[in-house]
Full PDB file with SEQRES, HELIX, SHEET, SSBOND, CRYST1, ORIGX, SCALE, CONECT and MASTER records, all heavy atoms in Angstrom:
SEQRES   1 A   35  GLY LEU THR GLU ARG TYR PHE TYR GLU SER PHE ASP ASP          
SEQRES   2 A   35  ARG ASP ALA PHE VAL ARG ALA VAL TYR ALA HIS VAL GLY          
SEQRES   3 A   35  GLU GLN ALA ARG GLN ALA ILE VAL HIS                          
HELIX    1 AA1 GLU A    4  SER A   10  1                                   7    
HELIX    2 AA2 ARG A   14  VAL A   34  1                                  21    
CRYST1    1.000    1.000    1.000  90.00  90.00  90.00 P 1           1          
ORIGX1      1.000000  0.000000  0.000000        0.00000                         
ORIGX2      0.000000  1.000000  0.000000        0.00000                         
ORIGX3      0.000000  0.000000  1.000000        0.00000                         
SCALE1      1.000000  0.000000  0.000000        0.00000                         
SCALE2      0.000000  1.000000  0.000000        0.00000                         
SCALE3      0.000000  0.000000  1.000000        0.00000                         
ATOM      1  N   GLY A   1      81.500  58.820  91.867  1.00  0.00           N  
ATOM      2  CA  GLY A   1      81.568  57.414  92.252  1.00  0.00           C  
ATOM      3  C   GLY A   1      82.808  56.716  91.717  1.00  0.00           C  
ATOM      4  O   GLY A   1      82.770  55.525  91.395  1.00  0.00           O  
ATOM      5  N   LEU A   2      83.914  57.469  91.626  1.00  0.00           N  
ATOM      6  CA  LEU A   2      85.160  56.927  91.092  1.00  0.00           C  
ATOM      7  C   LEU A   2      86.306  57.189  92.067  1.00  0.00           C  
ATOM      8  O   LEU A   2      86.206  58.053  92.924  1.00  0.00           O  
ATOM      9  CB  LEU A   2      85.494  57.587  89.742  1.00  0.00           C  
ATOM     10  CG  LEU A   2      84.503  57.329  88.606  1.00  0.00           C  
ATOM     11  CD1 LEU A   2      84.800  58.259  87.437  1.00  0.00           C  
ATOM     12  CD2 LEU A   2      84.549  55.874  88.165  1.00  0.00           C  
ATOM     13  N   THR A   3      87.380  56.444  91.907  1.00  0.00           N  
ATOM     14  CA  THR A   3      88.557  56.658  92.744  1.00  0.00           C  
ATOM     15  C   THR A   3      89.457  57.720  92.120  1.00  0.00           C  
ATOM     16  O   THR A   3      89.325  58.055  90.941  1.00  0.00           O  
ATOM     17  CB  THR A   3      89.372  55.364  92.904  1.00  0.00           C  
ATOM     18  OG1 THR A   3      89.889  54.990  91.620  1.00  0.00           O  
ATOM     19  CG2 THR A   3      88.504  54.238  93.452  1.00  0.00           C  
ATOM     20  N   GLU A   4      90.380  58.243  92.924  1.00  0.00           N  
ATOM     21  CA  GLU A   4      91.286  59.278  92.428  1.00  0.00           C  
ATOM     22  C   GLU A   4      92.163  58.755  91.288  1.00  0.00           C  
ATOM     23  O   GLU A   4      92.585  59.525  90.424  1.00  0.00           O  
ATOM     24  CB  GLU A   4      92.143  59.817  93.568  1.00  0.00           C  
ATOM     25  CG  GLU A   4      91.344  60.630  94.569  1.00  0.00           C  
ATOM     26  CD  GLU A   4      92.214  61.287  95.625  1.00  0.00           C  
ATOM     27  OE1 GLU A   4      93.420  61.515  95.352  1.00  0.00           O  
ATOM     28  OE2 GLU A   4      91.687  61.584  96.708  1.00  0.00           O  
ATOM     29  N   ARG A   5      92.421  57.473  91.274  1.00  0.00           N  
ATOM     30  CA  ARG A   5      93.213  56.887  90.181  1.00  0.00           C  
ATOM     31  C   ARG A   5      92.575  57.215  88.833  1.00  0.00           C  
ATOM     32  O   ARG A   5      93.259  57.560  87.865  1.00  0.00           O  
ATOM     33  CB  ARG A   5      93.282  55.367  90.383  1.00  0.00           C  
ATOM     34  CG  ARG A   5      93.772  54.620  89.167  1.00  0.00           C  
ATOM     35  CD  ARG A   5      93.531  53.133  89.312  1.00  0.00           C  
ATOM     36  NE  ARG A   5      93.719  52.459  88.040  1.00  0.00           N  
ATOM     37  CZ  ARG A   5      93.260  51.258  87.761  1.00  0.00           C  
ATOM     38  NH1 ARG A   5      92.585  50.577  88.663  1.00  0.00           N  
ATOM     39  NH2 ARG A   5      93.479  50.714  86.597  1.00  0.00           N  
ATOM     40  N   TYR A   6      91.242  57.130  88.764  1.00  0.00           N  
ATOM     41  CA  TYR A   6      90.555  57.401  87.508  1.00  0.00           C  
ATOM     42  C   TYR A   6      90.487  58.895  87.210  1.00  0.00           C  
ATOM     43  O   TYR A   6      90.441  59.293  86.049  1.00  0.00           O  
ATOM     44  CB  TYR A   6      89.157  56.776  87.523  1.00  0.00           C  
ATOM     45  CG  TYR A   6      89.208  55.273  87.519  1.00  0.00           C  
ATOM     46  CD1 TYR A   6      88.619  54.528  88.533  1.00  0.00           C  
ATOM     47  CD2 TYR A   6      89.874  54.591  86.503  1.00  0.00           C  
ATOM     48  CE1 TYR A   6      88.673  53.151  88.536  1.00  0.00           C  
ATOM     49  CE2 TYR A   6      89.938  53.202  86.497  1.00  0.00           C  
ATOM     50  CZ  TYR A   6      89.341  52.492  87.510  1.00  0.00           C  
ATOM     51  OH  TYR A   6      89.409  51.121  87.501  1.00  0.00           O  
ATOM     52  N   PHE A   7      90.494  59.705  88.250  1.00  0.00           N  
ATOM     53  CA  PHE A   7      90.553  61.149  88.020  1.00  0.00           C  
ATOM     54  C   PHE A   7      91.850  61.487  87.293  1.00  0.00           C  
ATOM     55  O   PHE A   7      91.846  62.197  86.280  1.00  0.00           O  
ATOM     56  CB  PHE A   7      90.484  61.902  89.355  1.00  0.00           C  
ATOM     57  CG  PHE A   7      90.593  63.399  89.210  1.00  0.00           C  
ATOM     58  CD1 PHE A   7      89.465  64.185  89.070  1.00  0.00           C  
ATOM     59  CD2 PHE A   7      91.844  64.013  89.202  1.00  0.00           C  
ATOM     60  CE1 PHE A   7      89.574  65.566  88.910  1.00  0.00           C  
ATOM     61  CE2 PHE A   7      91.962  65.394  89.053  1.00  0.00           C  
ATOM     62  CZ  PHE A   7      90.816  66.165  88.905  1.00  0.00           C  
ATOM     63  N   TYR A   8      92.976  60.978  87.812  1.00  0.00           N  
ATOM     64  CA  TYR A   8      94.283  61.299  87.231  1.00  0.00           C  
ATOM     65  C   TYR A   8      94.531  60.571  85.913  1.00  0.00           C  
ATOM     66  O   TYR A   8      95.485  60.880  85.202  1.00  0.00           O  
ATOM     67  CB  TYR A   8      95.385  61.029  88.250  1.00  0.00           C  
ATOM     68  CG  TYR A   8      95.334  62.013  89.390  1.00  0.00           C  
ATOM     69  CD1 TYR A   8      94.918  61.620  90.664  1.00  0.00           C  
ATOM     70  CD2 TYR A   8      95.658  63.353  89.187  1.00  0.00           C  
ATOM     71  CE1 TYR A   8      94.839  62.537  91.705  1.00  0.00           C  
ATOM     72  CE2 TYR A   8      95.593  64.279  90.223  1.00  0.00           C  
ATOM     73  CZ  TYR A   8      95.180  63.864  91.477  1.00  0.00           C  
ATOM     74  OH  TYR A   8      95.100  64.780  92.498  1.00  0.00           O  
ATOM     75  N   GLU A   9      93.671  59.646  85.561  1.00  0.00           N  
ATOM     76  CA  GLU A   9      93.719  59.018  84.246  1.00  0.00           C  
ATOM     77  C   GLU A   9      93.356  60.050  83.166  1.00  0.00           C  
ATOM     78  O   GLU A   9      93.856  59.979  82.038  1.00  0.00           O  
ATOM     79  CB  GLU A   9      92.720  57.854  84.220  1.00  0.00           C  
ATOM     80  CG  GLU A   9      92.462  57.231  82.874  1.00  0.00           C  
ATOM     81  CD  GLU A   9      91.343  56.207  82.951  1.00  0.00           C  
ATOM     82  OE1 GLU A   9      90.161  56.616  83.118  1.00  0.00           O  
ATOM     83  OE2 GLU A   9      91.644  55.002  82.852  1.00  0.00           O  
ATOM     84  N   SER A  10      92.492  60.997  83.529  1.00  0.00           N  
ATOM     85  CA  SER A  10      92.005  61.980  82.560  1.00  0.00           C  
ATOM     86  C   SER A  10      92.562  63.388  82.739  1.00  0.00           C  
ATOM     87  O   SER A  10      92.630  64.150  81.774  1.00  0.00           O  
ATOM     88  CB  SER A  10      90.476  62.071  82.630  1.00  0.00           C  
ATOM     89  OG  SER A  10      89.858  60.875  82.216  1.00  0.00           O  
ATOM     90  N   PHE A  11      92.943  63.742  83.969  1.00  0.00           N  
ATOM     91  CA  PHE A  11      93.322  65.129  84.253  1.00  0.00           C  
ATOM     92  C   PHE A  11      94.614  65.179  85.072  1.00  0.00           C  
ATOM     93  O   PHE A  11      94.803  64.364  85.969  1.00  0.00           O  
ATOM     94  CB  PHE A  11      92.196  65.836  85.020  1.00  0.00           C  
ATOM     95  CG  PHE A  11      90.858  65.725  84.335  1.00  0.00           C  
ATOM     96  CD1 PHE A  11      89.922  64.804  84.779  1.00  0.00           C  
ATOM     97  CD2 PHE A  11      90.553  66.523  83.237  1.00  0.00           C  
ATOM     98  CE1 PHE A  11      88.699  64.671  84.137  1.00  0.00           C  
ATOM     99  CE2 PHE A  11      89.329  66.403  82.594  1.00  0.00           C  
ATOM    100  CZ  PHE A  11      88.398  65.481  83.048  1.00  0.00           C  
ATOM    101  N   ASP A  12      95.450  66.157  84.779  1.00  0.00           N  
ATOM    102  CA  ASP A  12      96.727  66.289  85.485  1.00  0.00           C  
ATOM    103  C   ASP A  12      96.542  66.723  86.933  1.00  0.00           C  
ATOM    104  O   ASP A  12      97.241  66.253  87.827  1.00  0.00           O  
ATOM    105  CB  ASP A  12      97.635  67.294  84.776  1.00  0.00           C  
ATOM    106  CG  ASP A  12      98.132  66.777  83.443  1.00  0.00           C  
ATOM    107  OD1 ASP A  12      98.166  65.537  83.257  1.00  0.00           O  
ATOM    108  OD2 ASP A  12      98.481  67.608  82.585  1.00  0.00           O  
ATOM    109  N   ASP A  13      95.615  67.650  87.155  1.00  0.00           N  
ATOM    110  CA  ASP A  13      95.383  68.151  88.507  1.00  0.00           C  
ATOM    111  C   ASP A  13      94.019  68.835  88.576  1.00  0.00           C  
ATOM    112  O   ASP A  13      93.282  68.851  87.580  1.00  0.00           O  
ATOM    113  CB  ASP A  13      96.491  69.118  88.944  1.00  0.00           C  
ATOM    114  CG  ASP A  13      96.681  70.290  87.976  1.00  0.00           C  
ATOM    115  OD1 ASP A  13      95.713  70.688  87.298  1.00  0.00           O  
ATOM    116  OD2 ASP A  13      97.807  70.816  87.892  1.00  0.00           O  
ATOM    117  N   ARG A  14      93.697  69.381  89.716  1.00  0.00           N  
ATOM    118  CA  ARG A  14      92.401  70.010  89.925  1.00  0.00           C  
ATOM    119  C   ARG A  14      92.156  71.162  88.960  1.00  0.00           C  
ATOM    120  O   ARG A  14      91.079  71.291  88.362  1.00  0.00           O  
ATOM    121  CB  ARG A  14      92.303  70.529  91.374  1.00  0.00           C  
ATOM    122  CG  ARG A  14      91.024  71.277  91.664  1.00  0.00           C  
ATOM    123  CD  ARG A  14      91.228  72.281  92.812  1.00  0.00           C  
ATOM    124  NE  ARG A  14      90.027  73.049  93.051  1.00  0.00           N  
ATOM    125  CZ  ARG A  14      89.748  74.195  92.439  1.00  0.00           C  
ATOM    126  NH1 ARG A  14      90.574  74.706  91.541  1.00  0.00           N  
ATOM    127  NH2 ARG A  14      88.628  74.838  92.717  1.00  0.00           N  
ATOM    128  N   ASP A  15      93.151  72.030  88.778  1.00  0.00           N  
ATOM    129  CA  ASP A  15      92.966  73.191  87.914  1.00  0.00           C  
ATOM    130  C   ASP A  15      92.745  72.788  86.465  1.00  0.00           C  
ATOM    131  O   ASP A  15      91.932  73.386  85.760  1.00  0.00           O  
ATOM    132  CB  ASP A  15      94.167  74.137  88.030  1.00  0.00           C  
ATOM    133  CG  ASP A  15      94.163  74.912  89.339  1.00  0.00           C  
ATOM    134  OD1 ASP A  15      93.207  74.755  90.137  1.00  0.00           O  
ATOM    135  OD2 ASP A  15      95.122  75.678  89.579  1.00  0.00           O  
ATOM    136  N   ALA A  16      93.460  71.771  86.005  1.00  0.00           N  
ATOM    137  CA  ALA A  16      93.260  71.282  84.642  1.00  0.00           C  
ATOM    138  C   ALA A  16      91.839  70.746  84.488  1.00  0.00           C  
ATOM    139  O   ALA A  16      91.199  70.930  83.447  1.00  0.00           O  
ATOM    140  CB  ALA A  16      94.283  70.194  84.316  1.00  0.00           C  
ATOM    141  N   PHE A  17      91.344  70.089  85.528  1.00  0.00           N  
ATOM    142  CA  PHE A  17      89.981  69.572  85.517  1.00  0.00           C  
ATOM    143  C   PHE A  17      88.968  70.708  85.425  1.00  0.00           C  
ATOM    144  O   PHE A  17      88.033  70.673  84.614  1.00  0.00           O  
ATOM    145  CB  PHE A  17      89.732  68.738  86.778  1.00  0.00           C  
ATOM    146  CG  PHE A  17      88.296  68.330  86.963  1.00  0.00           C  
ATOM    147  CD1 PHE A  17      87.735  67.359  86.163  1.00  0.00           C  
ATOM    148  CD2 PHE A  17      87.520  68.940  87.936  1.00  0.00           C  
ATOM    149  CE1 PHE A  17      86.404  66.983  86.337  1.00  0.00           C  
ATOM    150  CE2 PHE A  17      86.195  68.576  88.118  1.00  0.00           C  
ATOM    151  CZ  PHE A  17      85.638  67.596  87.316  1.00  0.00           C  
ATOM    152  N   VAL A  18      89.149  71.735  86.244  1.00  0.00           N  
ATOM    153  CA  VAL A  18      88.230  72.877  86.237  1.00  0.00           C  
ATOM    154  C   VAL A  18      88.210  73.529  84.857  1.00  0.00           C  
ATOM    155  O   VAL A  18      87.143  73.877  84.331  1.00  0.00           O  
ATOM    156  CB  VAL A  18      88.612  73.897  87.332  1.00  0.00           C  
ATOM    157  CG1 VAL A  18      87.844  75.203  87.159  1.00  0.00           C  
ATOM    158  CG2 VAL A  18      88.346  73.306  88.718  1.00  0.00           C  
ATOM    159  N   ARG A  19      89.366  73.684  84.254  1.00  0.00           N  
ATOM    160  CA  ARG A  19      89.416  74.280  82.916  1.00  0.00           C  
ATOM    161  C   ARG A  19      88.722  73.392  81.889  1.00  0.00           C  
ATOM    162  O   ARG A  19      88.053  73.891  80.975  1.00  0.00           O  
ATOM    163  CB  ARG A  19      90.874  74.543  82.511  1.00  0.00           C  
ATOM    164  CG  ARG A  19      91.500  75.713  83.269  1.00  0.00           C  
ATOM    165  CD  ARG A  19      92.853  76.097  82.689  1.00  0.00           C  
ATOM    166  NE  ARG A  19      93.863  75.092  82.938  1.00  0.00           N  
ATOM    167  CZ  ARG A  19      94.643  75.066  84.015  1.00  0.00           C  
ATOM    168  NH1 ARG A  19      94.522  76.000  84.952  1.00  0.00           N  
ATOM    169  NH2 ARG A  19      95.550  74.120  84.178  1.00  0.00           N  
ATOM    170  N   ALA A  20      88.857  72.080  82.036  1.00  0.00           N  
ATOM    171  CA  ALA A  20      88.193  71.154  81.113  1.00  0.00           C  
ATOM    172  C   ALA A  20      86.673  71.225  81.261  1.00  0.00           C  
ATOM    173  O   ALA A  20      85.943  71.176  80.261  1.00  0.00           O  
ATOM    174  CB  ALA A  20      88.675  69.725  81.358  1.00  0.00           C  
ATOM    175  N   VAL A  21      86.187  71.331  82.488  1.00  0.00           N  
ATOM    176  CA  VAL A  21      84.741  71.462  82.717  1.00  0.00           C  
ATOM    177  C   VAL A  21      84.231  72.746  82.071  1.00  0.00           C  
ATOM    178  O   VAL A  21      83.203  72.751  81.389  1.00  0.00           O  
ATOM    179  CB  VAL A  21      84.419  71.444  84.230  1.00  0.00           C  
ATOM    180  CG1 VAL A  21      82.948  71.799  84.474  1.00  0.00           C  
ATOM    181  CG2 VAL A  21      84.741  70.082  84.825  1.00  0.00           C  
ATOM    182  N   TYR A  22      84.962  73.826  82.259  1.00  0.00           N  
ATOM    183  CA  TYR A  22      84.546  75.111  81.700  1.00  0.00           C  
ATOM    184  C   TYR A  22      84.524  75.055  80.167  1.00  0.00           C  
ATOM    185  O   TYR A  22      83.590  75.531  79.520  1.00  0.00           O  
ATOM    186  CB  TYR A  22      85.462  76.223  82.188  1.00  0.00           C  
ATOM    187  CG  TYR A  22      84.991  77.587  81.742  1.00  0.00           C  
ATOM    188  CD1 TYR A  22      83.941  78.226  82.395  1.00  0.00           C  
ATOM    189  CD2 TYR A  22      85.581  78.217  80.651  1.00  0.00           C  
ATOM    190  CE1 TYR A  22      83.496  79.465  81.973  1.00  0.00           C  
ATOM    191  CE2 TYR A  22      85.136  79.463  80.226  1.00  0.00           C  
ATOM    192  CZ  TYR A  22      84.094  80.075  80.889  1.00  0.00           C  
ATOM    193  OH  TYR A  22      83.634  81.297  80.465  1.00  0.00           O  
ATOM    194  N   ALA A  23      85.565  74.476  79.574  1.00  0.00           N  
ATOM    195  CA  ALA A  23      85.627  74.358  78.114  1.00  0.00           C  
ATOM    196  C   ALA A  23      84.487  73.489  77.593  1.00  0.00           C  
ATOM    197  O   ALA A  23      83.888  73.777  76.546  1.00  0.00           O  
ATOM    198  CB  ALA A  23      86.976  73.771  77.697  1.00  0.00           C  
ATOM    199  N   HIS A  24      84.161  72.420  78.337  1.00  0.00           N  
ATOM    200  CA  HIS A  24      83.069  71.521  77.952  1.00  0.00           C  
ATOM    201  C   HIS A  24      81.741  72.267  77.928  1.00  0.00           C  
ATOM    202  O   HIS A  24      80.961  72.144  76.973  1.00  0.00           O  
ATOM    203  CB  HIS A  24      83.030  70.350  78.945  1.00  0.00           C  
ATOM    204  CG  HIS A  24      81.904  69.403  78.737  1.00  0.00           C  
ATOM    205  ND1 HIS A  24      81.825  68.566  77.648  1.00  0.00           N  
ATOM    206  CD2 HIS A  24      80.790  69.155  79.481  1.00  0.00           C  
ATOM    207  CE1 HIS A  24      80.730  67.833  77.725  1.00  0.00           C  
ATOM    208  NE2 HIS A  24      80.078  68.183  78.829  1.00  0.00           N  
ATOM    209  N   VAL A  25      81.478  73.067  78.944  1.00  0.00           N  
ATOM    210  CA  VAL A  25      80.232  73.832  79.017  1.00  0.00           C  
ATOM    211  C   VAL A  25      80.207  74.915  77.929  1.00  0.00           C  
ATOM    212  O   VAL A  25      79.170  75.149  77.303  1.00  0.00           O  
ATOM    213  CB  VAL A  25      80.060  74.450  80.423  1.00  0.00           C  
ATOM    214  CG1 VAL A  25      78.928  75.460  80.449  1.00  0.00           C  
ATOM    215  CG2 VAL A  25      79.788  73.348  81.434  1.00  0.00           C  
ATOM    216  N   GLY A  26      81.342  75.555  77.691  1.00  0.00           N  
ATOM    217  CA  GLY A  26      81.414  76.554  76.630  1.00  0.00           C  
ATOM    218  C   GLY A  26      81.093  75.962  75.272  1.00  0.00           C  
ATOM    219  O   GLY A  26      80.389  76.579  74.460  1.00  0.00           O  
ATOM    220  N   GLU A  27      81.577  74.753  75.024  1.00  0.00           N  
ATOM    221  CA  GLU A  27      81.284  74.088  73.751  1.00  0.00           C  
ATOM    222  C   GLU A  27      79.811  73.698  73.670  1.00  0.00           C  
ATOM    223  O   GLU A  27      79.198  73.783  72.600  1.00  0.00           O  
ATOM    224  CB  GLU A  27      82.181  72.868  73.585  1.00  0.00           C  
ATOM    225  CG  GLU A  27      81.970  72.094  72.287  1.00  0.00           C  
ATOM    226  CD  GLU A  27      82.194  72.914  71.020  1.00  0.00           C  
ATOM    227  OE1 GLU A  27      82.823  73.979  71.071  1.00  0.00           O  
ATOM    228  OE2 GLU A  27      81.721  72.465  69.949  1.00  0.00           O  
ATOM    229  N   GLN A  28      79.217  73.270  74.789  1.00  0.00           N  
ATOM    230  CA  GLN A  28      77.779  72.983  74.795  1.00  0.00           C  
ATOM    231  C   GLN A  28      76.988  74.212  74.390  1.00  0.00           C  
ATOM    232  O   GLN A  28      76.033  74.128  73.603  1.00  0.00           O  
ATOM    233  CB  GLN A  28      77.323  72.548  76.197  1.00  0.00           C  
ATOM    234  CG  GLN A  28      77.648  71.119  76.555  1.00  0.00           C  
ATOM    235  CD  GLN A  28      77.082  70.779  77.932  1.00  0.00           C  
ATOM    236  OE1 GLN A  28      77.284  71.523  78.895  1.00  0.00           O  
ATOM    237  NE2 GLN A  28      76.381  69.677  78.018  1.00  0.00           N  
ATOM    238  N   ALA A  29      77.350  75.358  74.931  1.00  0.00           N  
ATOM    239  CA  ALA A  29      76.649  76.606  74.621  1.00  0.00           C  
ATOM    240  C   ALA A  29      76.804  76.959  73.149  1.00  0.00           C  
ATOM    241  O   ALA A  29      75.839  77.328  72.474  1.00  0.00           O  
ATOM    242  CB  ALA A  29      77.172  77.733  75.505  1.00  0.00           C  
ATOM    243  N   ARG A  30      78.020  76.842  72.654  1.00  0.00           N  
ATOM    244  CA  ARG A  30      78.266  77.171  71.251  1.00  0.00           C  
ATOM    245  C   ARG A  30      77.469  76.274  70.323  1.00  0.00           C  
ATOM    246  O   ARG A  30      76.815  76.738  69.388  1.00  0.00           O  
ATOM    247  CB  ARG A  30      79.766  77.058  70.932  1.00  0.00           C  
ATOM    248  CG  ARG A  30      80.167  77.676  69.604  1.00  0.00           C  
ATOM    249  CD  ARG A  30      81.591  77.308  69.220  1.00  0.00           C  
ATOM    250  NE  ARG A  30      81.673  75.919  68.775  1.00  0.00           N  
ATOM    251  CZ  ARG A  30      81.308  75.509  67.555  1.00  0.00           C  
ATOM    252  NH1 ARG A  30      80.863  76.365  66.671  1.00  0.00           N  
ATOM    253  NH2 ARG A  30      81.402  74.235  67.229  1.00  0.00           N  
ATOM    254  N   GLN A  31      77.479  74.976  70.618  1.00  0.00           N  
ATOM    255  CA  GLN A  31      76.742  74.020  69.783  1.00  0.00           C  
ATOM    256  C   GLN A  31      75.239  74.269  69.835  1.00  0.00           C  
ATOM    257  O   GLN A  31      74.541  74.146  68.817  1.00  0.00           O  
ATOM    258  CB  GLN A  31      77.055  72.578  70.231  1.00  0.00           C  
ATOM    259  CG  GLN A  31      78.442  72.107  69.888  1.00  0.00           C  
ATOM    260  CD  GLN A  31      78.633  71.906  68.399  1.00  0.00           C  
ATOM    261  OE1 GLN A  31      77.691  71.824  67.630  1.00  0.00           O  
ATOM    262  NE2 GLN A  31      79.894  71.843  67.978  1.00  0.00           N  
ATOM    263  N   ALA A  32      74.711  74.617  71.005  1.00  0.00           N  
ATOM    264  CA  ALA A  32      73.272  74.890  71.132  1.00  0.00           C  
ATOM    265  C   ALA A  32      72.872  76.073  70.263  1.00  0.00           C  
ATOM    266  O   ALA A  32      71.839  76.049  69.586  1.00  0.00           O  
ATOM    267  CB  ALA A  32      72.915  75.164  72.595  1.00  0.00           C  
ATOM    268  N   ILE A  33      73.707  77.121  70.264  1.00  0.00           N  
ATOM    269  CA  ILE A  33      73.403  78.311  69.465  1.00  0.00           C  
ATOM    270  C   ILE A  33      73.514  77.998  67.976  1.00  0.00           C  
ATOM    271  O   ILE A  33      72.645  78.358  67.182  1.00  0.00           O  
ATOM    272  CB  ILE A  33      74.346  79.464  69.852  1.00  0.00           C  
ATOM    273  CG1 ILE A  33      74.071  79.899  71.292  1.00  0.00           C  
ATOM    274  CG2 ILE A  33      74.175  80.643  68.907  1.00  0.00           C  
ATOM    275  CD1 ILE A  33      75.117  80.837  71.866  1.00  0.00           C  
ATOM    276  N   VAL A  34      74.579  77.319  67.568  1.00  0.00           N  
ATOM    277  CA  VAL A  34      74.768  76.970  66.162  1.00  0.00           C  
ATOM    278  C   VAL A  34      73.610  76.112  65.661  1.00  0.00           C  
ATOM    279  O   VAL A  34      73.034  76.363  64.595  1.00  0.00           O  
ATOM    280  CB  VAL A  34      76.115  76.243  65.952  1.00  0.00           C  
ATOM    281  CG1 VAL A  34      76.194  75.639  64.559  1.00  0.00           C  
ATOM    282  CG2 VAL A  34      77.273  77.206  66.179  1.00  0.00           C  
ATOM    283  N   HIS A  35      73.230  75.093  66.438  1.00  0.00           N  
ATOM    284  CA  HIS A  35      72.135  74.213  66.031  1.00  0.00           C  
ATOM    285  C   HIS A  35      70.834  74.983  65.885  1.00  0.00           C  
ATOM    286  O   HIS A  35      70.071  74.775  64.940  1.00  0.00           O  
ATOM    287  CB  HIS A  35      71.968  73.077  67.044  1.00  0.00           C  
ATOM    288  CG  HIS A  35      70.801  72.186  66.734  1.00  0.00           C  
ATOM    289  ND1 HIS A  35      70.816  71.288  65.689  1.00  0.00           N  
ATOM    290  CD2 HIS A  35      69.573  72.085  67.315  1.00  0.00           C  
ATOM    291  CE1 HIS A  35      69.655  70.657  65.639  1.00  0.00           C  
ATOM    292  NE2 HIS A  35      68.889  71.129  66.608  1.00  0.00           N  
TER     293      HIS A  35                                                      
MASTER        0    0    0    2    0    0    0    6  292    1    0    3          
END                                                                             
């Protein structure tokens, strides 16, 4: 529900976004196991 302007506020391009999503999920998994 956001415009592309806000997408590029956080991410350089689509691939950078995909990598950020993957890293975010990887950290969720790591934190769940550690906890």
